[in-house]
C-alpha atoms as a PDB file:
ATOM      1  CA  MET A   1      32.946 -34.301  13.567  1.00  0.00           C
ATOM      2  CA  MET A   2      33.896 -37.753  14.673  1.00  0.00           C
ATOM      3  CA  GLY A   3      31.487 -40.544  14.017  1.00  0.00           C
ATOM      4  CA  LEU A   4      29.750 -38.793  11.096  1.00  0.00           C
ATOM      5  CA  SER A   5      29.933 -40.137   7.594  1.00  0.00           C
ATOM      6  CA  GLY A   6      31.566 -38.069   4.847  1.00  0.00           C
ATOM      7  CA  SER A   7      28.232 -37.029   3.352  1.00  0.00           C
ATOM      8  CA  ALA A   8      26.850 -36.055   6.775  1.00  0.00           C
ATOM      9  CA  GLN A   9      29.979 -33.951   7.441  1.00  0.00           C
ATOM     10  CA  HIS A  10      29.596 -32.304   4.038  1.00  0.00           C
ATOM     11  CA  LEU A  11      25.901 -31.555   4.695  1.00  0.00           C
ATOM     12  CA  LEU A  12      26.668 -30.156   8.158  1.00  0.00           C
ATOM     13  CA  SER A  13      29.418 -27.941   6.691  1.00  0.00           C
ATOM     14  CA  LEU A  14      27.026 -26.589   4.052  1.00  0.00           C
ATOM     15  CA  LEU A  15      24.389 -25.920   6.688  1.00  0.00           C
ATOM     16  CA  LEU A  16      26.839 -24.006   8.892  1.00  0.00           C
ATOM     17  CA  LEU A  17      28.111 -22.015   5.914  1.00  0.00           C
ATOM     18  CA  SER A  18      24.587 -21.078   4.810  1.00  0.00           C
ATOM     19  CA  CYS A  19      23.718 -19.967   8.354  1.00  0.00           C
ATOM     20  CA  ALA A  20      26.834 -17.798   8.475  1.00  0.00           C
ATOM     21  CA  LEU A  21      26.081 -16.218   5.088  1.00  0.00           C
ATOM     22  CA  THR A  22      22.463 -15.592   6.011  1.00  0.00           C
ATOM     23  CA  GLY A  23      23.665 -13.459   8.906  1.00  0.00           C
ATOM     24  CA  CYS A  24      25.598 -11.263   6.436  1.00  0.00           C
ATOM     25  CA  TYR A  25      22.535 -10.443   4.319  1.00  0.00           C
ATOM     26  CA  SER A  26      20.226  -7.560   5.070  1.00  0.00           C
ATOM     27  CA  PHE A  27      17.448  -5.928   3.109  1.00  0.00           C
ATOM     28  CA  THR A  28      17.619  -2.165   3.057  1.00  0.00           C
ATOM     29  CA  GLY A  29      14.898  -1.353   0.518  1.00  0.00           C
ATOM     30  CA  GLY A  30      14.923   1.635  -1.779  1.00  0.00           C
ATOM     31  CA  ARG A  31      15.437   5.242  -0.899  1.00  0.00           C
ATOM     32  CA  LEU A  32      14.113   8.480  -2.302  1.00  0.00           C
ATOM     33  CA  PRO A  33      16.531  10.202  -4.668  1.00  0.00           C
ATOM     34  CA  ALA A  34      18.277  13.116  -2.942  1.00  0.00           C
ATOM     35  CA  HIS A  35      17.015  15.638  -5.504  1.00  0.00           C
ATOM     36  CA  LEU A  36      13.376  15.028  -4.512  1.00  0.00           C
ATOM     37  CA  ARG A  37      12.402  17.508  -1.837  1.00  0.00           C
ATOM     38  CA  THR A  38       8.879  18.560  -2.840  1.00  0.00           C
ATOM     39  CA  VAL A  39       5.829  16.719  -4.117  1.00  0.00           C
ATOM     40  CA  ALA A  40       2.607  17.854  -5.767  1.00  0.00           C
ATOM     41  CA  LEU A  41      -0.531  15.848  -5.132  1.00  0.00           C
ATOM     42  CA  ALA A  42      -2.791  15.743  -8.171  1.00  0.00           C
ATOM     43  CA  PRO A  43      -6.513  15.734  -7.358  1.00  0.00           C
ATOM     44  CA  VAL A  44      -7.644  12.160  -6.660  1.00  0.00           C
ATOM     45  CA  VAL A  45      -9.718  10.875  -9.574  1.00  0.00           C
ATOM     46  CA  ASP A  46     -12.704   8.620  -8.867  1.00  0.00           C
ATOM     47  CA  ASN A  47     -13.220   6.113 -11.687  1.00  0.00           C
ATOM     48  CA  THR A  48     -15.250   3.726  -9.529  1.00  0.00           C
ATOM     49  CA  GLY A  49     -18.757   4.798 -10.514  1.00  0.00           C
ATOM     50  CA  PHE A  50     -19.650   4.368  -6.833  1.00  0.00           C
ATOM     51  CA  GLY A  51     -20.763   7.994  -6.740  1.00  0.00           C
ATOM     52  CA  VAL A  52     -19.581   9.088  -3.284  1.00  0.00           C
ATOM     53  CA  PRO A  53     -17.213  12.062  -3.587  1.00  0.00           C
ATOM     54  CA  MET A  54     -16.515  11.910   0.156  1.00  0.00           C
ATOM     55  CA  TYR A  55     -14.168   8.936  -0.405  1.00  0.00           C
ATOM     56  CA  ARG A  56     -12.062  10.744  -2.992  1.00  0.00           C
ATOM     57  CA  GLU A  57     -11.886  13.765  -0.700  1.00  0.00           C
ATOM     58  CA  TYR A  58     -10.975  11.576   2.271  1.00  0.00           C
ATOM     59  CA  ILE A  59      -7.973  10.073   0.465  1.00  0.00           C
ATOM     60  CA  THR A  60      -6.872  13.560  -0.608  1.00  0.00           C
ATOM     61  CA  GLN A  61      -7.160  14.934   2.938  1.00  0.00           C
ATOM     62  CA  GLN A  62      -5.274  11.991   4.440  1.00  0.00           C
ATOM     63  CA  LEU A  63      -2.422  12.303   1.937  1.00  0.00           C
ATOM     64  CA  VAL A  64      -2.231  16.090   2.360  1.00  0.00           C
ATOM     65  CA  ARG A  65      -2.028  15.668   6.125  1.00  0.00           C
ATOM     66  CA  ARG A  66       0.311  12.667   6.218  1.00  0.00           C
ATOM     67  CA  LEU A  67       2.745  13.242   3.307  1.00  0.00           C
ATOM     68  CA  PRO A  68       4.808  15.923   5.109  1.00  0.00           C
ATOM     69  CA  GLN A  69       4.608  14.021   8.418  1.00  0.00           C
ATOM     70  CA  GLU A  70       5.601  10.571   7.176  1.00  0.00           C
ATOM     71  CA  THR A  71       7.920  11.320   4.257  1.00  0.00           C
ATOM     72  CA  PRO A  72      10.840  13.731   3.831  1.00  0.00           C
ATOM     73  CA  LEU A  73       8.871  15.485   1.064  1.00  0.00           C
ATOM     74  CA  GLN A  74       7.185  18.840   1.439  1.00  0.00           C
ATOM     75  CA  LEU A  75       3.810  19.253  -0.207  1.00  0.00           C
ATOM     76  CA  THR A  76       3.560  22.016  -2.807  1.00  0.00           C
ATOM     77  CA  GLN A  77       1.580  22.761  -5.944  1.00  0.00           C
ATOM     78  CA  GLU A  78       4.191  24.970  -7.604  1.00  0.00           C
ATOM     79  CA  ARG A  79       7.067  23.398  -9.514  1.00  0.00           C
ATOM     80  CA  ALA A  80       7.368  20.300  -7.388  1.00  0.00           C
ATOM     81  CA  ASP A  81      10.221  17.835  -7.790  1.00  0.00           C
ATOM     82  CA  ALA A  82       7.759  14.919  -7.807  1.00  0.00           C
ATOM     83  CA  ARG A  83       4.091  14.310  -8.524  1.00  0.00           C
ATOM     84  CA  LEU A  84       1.762  11.820  -6.873  1.00  0.00           C
ATOM     85  CA  THR A  85      -1.354  10.833  -8.806  1.00  0.00           C
ATOM     86  CA  VAL A  86      -4.090   8.589  -7.405  1.00  0.00           C
ATOM     87  CA  TRP A  87      -6.960   7.052  -9.355  1.00  0.00           C
ATOM     88  CA  MET A  88      -9.683   5.205  -7.467  1.00  0.00           C
ATOM     89  CA  GLN A  89     -10.310   2.297  -9.834  1.00  0.00           C
ATOM     90  CA  ARG A  90     -12.747  -0.004  -8.065  1.00  0.00           C
ATOM     91  CA  MET A  91     -15.019  -0.008  -5.050  1.00  0.00           C
ATOM     92  CA  SER A  92     -16.930  -3.152  -4.191  1.00  0.00           C
ATOM     93  CA  ASP A  93     -19.330  -4.228  -1.485  1.00  0.00           C
ATOM     94  CA  LEU A  94     -19.113  -8.018  -1.678  1.00  0.00           C
ATOM     95  CA  THR A  95     -20.816 -10.937   0.003  1.00  0.00           C
ATOM     96  CA  GLN A  96     -18.341 -12.507   2.390  1.00  0.00           C
ATOM     97  CA  THR A  97     -19.454 -16.127   2.826  1.00  0.00           C
ATOM     98  CA  VAL A  98     -22.955 -17.537   2.761  1.00  0.00           C
ATOM     99  CA  ARG A  99     -23.836 -21.202   2.674  1.00  0.00           C
ATOM    100  CA  PRO A 100     -27.145 -22.385   1.247  1.00  0.00           C
ATOM    101  CA  GLY A 101     -29.951 -21.703   3.703  1.00  0.00           C
ATOM    102  CA  GLU A 102     -27.952 -19.139   5.706  1.00  0.00           C
ATOM    103  CA  ILE A 103     -28.678 -15.461   6.059  1.00  0.00           C
ATOM    104  CA  GLU A 104     -25.923 -13.092   5.000  1.00  0.00           C
ATOM    105  CA  ARG A 105     -24.222 -11.679   8.104  1.00  0.00           C
ATOM    106  CA  GLU A 106     -20.997 -10.132   6.817  1.00  0.00           C
ATOM    107  CA  ARG A 107     -19.888  -8.232   3.766  1.00  0.00           C
ATOM    108  CA  ARG A 108     -16.492  -7.119   2.520  1.00  0.00           C
ATOM    109  CA  ALA A 109     -15.744  -3.568   1.420  1.00  0.00           C
ATOM    110  CA  GLU A 110     -12.931  -3.553  -1.143  1.00  0.00           C
ATOM    111  CA  VAL A 111     -11.196  -0.626  -2.806  1.00  0.00           C
ATOM    112  CA  ALA A 112      -8.525  -0.603  -5.504  1.00  0.00           C
ATOM    113  CA  VAL A 113      -6.445   2.465  -6.333  1.00  0.00           C
ATOM    114  CA  GLU A 114      -3.847   2.957  -9.007  1.00  0.00           C
ATOM    115  CA  VAL A 115      -1.013   5.279  -8.018  1.00  0.00           C
ATOM    116  CA  GLU A 116       1.829   6.862  -9.940  1.00  0.00           C
ATOM    117  CA  PHE A 117       4.867   8.482  -8.345  1.00  0.00           C
ATOM    118  CA  TYR A 118       6.610  10.627 -10.961  1.00  0.00           C
ATOM    119  CA  ASP A 119      10.038  12.265 -10.790  1.00  0.00           C
ATOM    120  CA  ALA A 120       9.506  15.660 -12.466  1.00  0.00           C
ATOM    121  CA  VAL A 121      13.223  16.533 -12.306  1.00  0.00           C
ATOM    122  CA  GLU A 122      14.409  13.513 -14.280  1.00  0.00           C
ATOM    123  CA  ARG A 123      11.076  13.182 -16.111  1.00  0.00           C
ATOM    124  CA  ARG A 124      10.482   9.532 -15.349  1.00  0.00           C
ATOM    125  CA  THR A 125       7.983   7.419 -13.469  1.00  0.00           C
ATOM    126  CA  LEU A 126       9.576   6.048 -10.313  1.00  0.00           C
ATOM    127  CA  TRP A 127       6.751   3.540  -9.836  1.00  0.00           C
ATOM    128  CA  ARG A 128       3.175   2.878 -10.815  1.00  0.00           C
ATOM    129  CA  ARG A 129       1.204   0.343  -8.804  1.00  0.00           C
ATOM    130  CA  THR A 130      -2.270  -0.835  -8.010  1.00  0.00           C
ATOM    131  CA  PHE A 131      -3.071  -1.226  -4.327  1.00  0.00           C
ATOM    132  CA  VAL A 132      -6.075  -3.246  -3.171  1.00  0.00           C
ATOM    133  CA  ARG A 133      -7.382  -3.448   0.378  1.00  0.00           C
ATOM    134  CA  SER A 134     -10.519  -4.867   1.918  1.00  0.00           C
ATOM    135  CA  GLU A 135     -12.276  -4.980   5.274  1.00  0.00           C
ATOM    136  CA  VAL A 136     -15.051  -7.251   6.508  1.00  0.00           C
ATOM    137  CA  TYR A 137     -17.965  -5.652   8.347  1.00  0.00           C
ATOM    138  CA  ASP A 138     -21.047  -6.943  10.135  1.00  0.00           C
ATOM    139  CA  LEU A 139     -24.331  -6.283   8.330  1.00  0.00           C
ATOM    140  CA  ALA A 140     -26.067  -5.824  11.686  1.00  0.00           C
ATOM    141  CA  GLY A 141     -24.138  -2.545  11.973  1.00  0.00           C
ATOM    142  CA  GLY A 142     -25.885  -1.175   8.872  1.00  0.00           C
ATOM    143  CA  ASN A 143     -24.537   1.769   6.918  1.00  0.00           C
ATOM    144  CA  VAL A 144     -22.456   2.958   9.865  1.00  0.00           C
ATOM    145  CA  ALA A 145     -20.461  -0.298   9.893  1.00  0.00           C
ATOM    146  CA  ARG A 146     -20.062  -0.121   6.112  1.00  0.00           C
ATOM    147  CA  GLU A 147     -18.781   3.478   6.225  1.00  0.00           C
ATOM    148  CA  ARG A 148     -16.321   2.639   9.010  1.00  0.00           C
ATOM    149  CA  ALA A 149     -15.008  -0.337   7.025  1.00  0.00           C
ATOM    150  CA  ILE A 150     -14.545   1.772   3.900  1.00  0.00           C
ATOM    151  CA  LEU A 151     -12.698   4.480   5.852  1.00  0.00           C
ATOM    152  CA  ARG A 152     -10.404   1.839   7.394  1.00  0.00           C
ATOM    153  CA  VAL A 153      -9.718   0.526   3.884  1.00  0.00           C
ATOM    154  CA  LEU A 154      -8.916   4.042   2.654  1.00  0.00           C
ATOM    155  CA  ASP A 155      -6.580   4.592   5.630  1.00  0.00           C
ATOM    156  CA  ALA A 156      -4.794   1.309   4.860  1.00  0.00           C
ATOM    157  CA  LEU A 157      -4.420   2.347   1.212  1.00  0.00           C
ATOM    158  CA  CYS A 158      -2.880   5.654   2.304  1.00  0.00           C
ATOM    159  CA  ASP A 159      -0.460   3.657   4.501  1.00  0.00           C
ATOM    160  CA  ASP A 160       0.499   1.559   1.468  1.00  0.00           C
ATOM    161  CA  ILE A 161       1.021   4.638  -0.707  1.00  0.00           C
ATOM    162  CA  LEU A 162       3.213   6.407   1.864  1.00  0.00           C
ATOM    163  CA  LEU A 163       5.259   3.270   2.470  1.00  0.00           C
ATOM    164  CA  ALA A 164       5.766   2.864  -1.270  1.00  0.00           C
ATOM    165  CA  ILE A 165       7.004   6.454  -1.530  1.00  0.00           C
ATOM    166  CA  VAL A 166       9.613   6.183   1.189  1.00  0.00           C
ATOM    167  CA  SER A 167      10.795   2.732   0.150  1.00  0.00           C
ATOM    168  CA  LEU A 168      10.447   3.257  -3.623  1.00  0.00           C
ATOM    169  CA  TRP A 169       8.616  -0.053  -4.119  1.00  0.00           C
END
């Protein structure tokens, strides 16, 4: 380190040390407790007032299908080690962006769900979170575009829920 001032050498040393230490750090996330082998899925509750039971049923079907595929948990309704409860809290169909004098061209479908993952063996809540997702759709596509956007939002919410289970967010 010839030709560098003392403070520059000190700064360079700190930089090299921080780079070396950064390489030693890794994030592993959480892990499901070993005693959790089964999960019960409570019926999805729709508190949105939107009035379309198909959405509640869709989330239920997706979780029933994907829980055993994407987590180490087996789905059961009898004496499960864990319980997953989902409440649909909000469903919105919002104006995306409209400037004065413009015609509305896009809208945003947004859904919020509250989810609790409960350890029935140790009788404690592992986590309780609210997940919110949205999707923009073109109004020219009518109700079909709106339905597709909502289903994509519901799929993304199921992704978030399953990821939270396996990583214990």
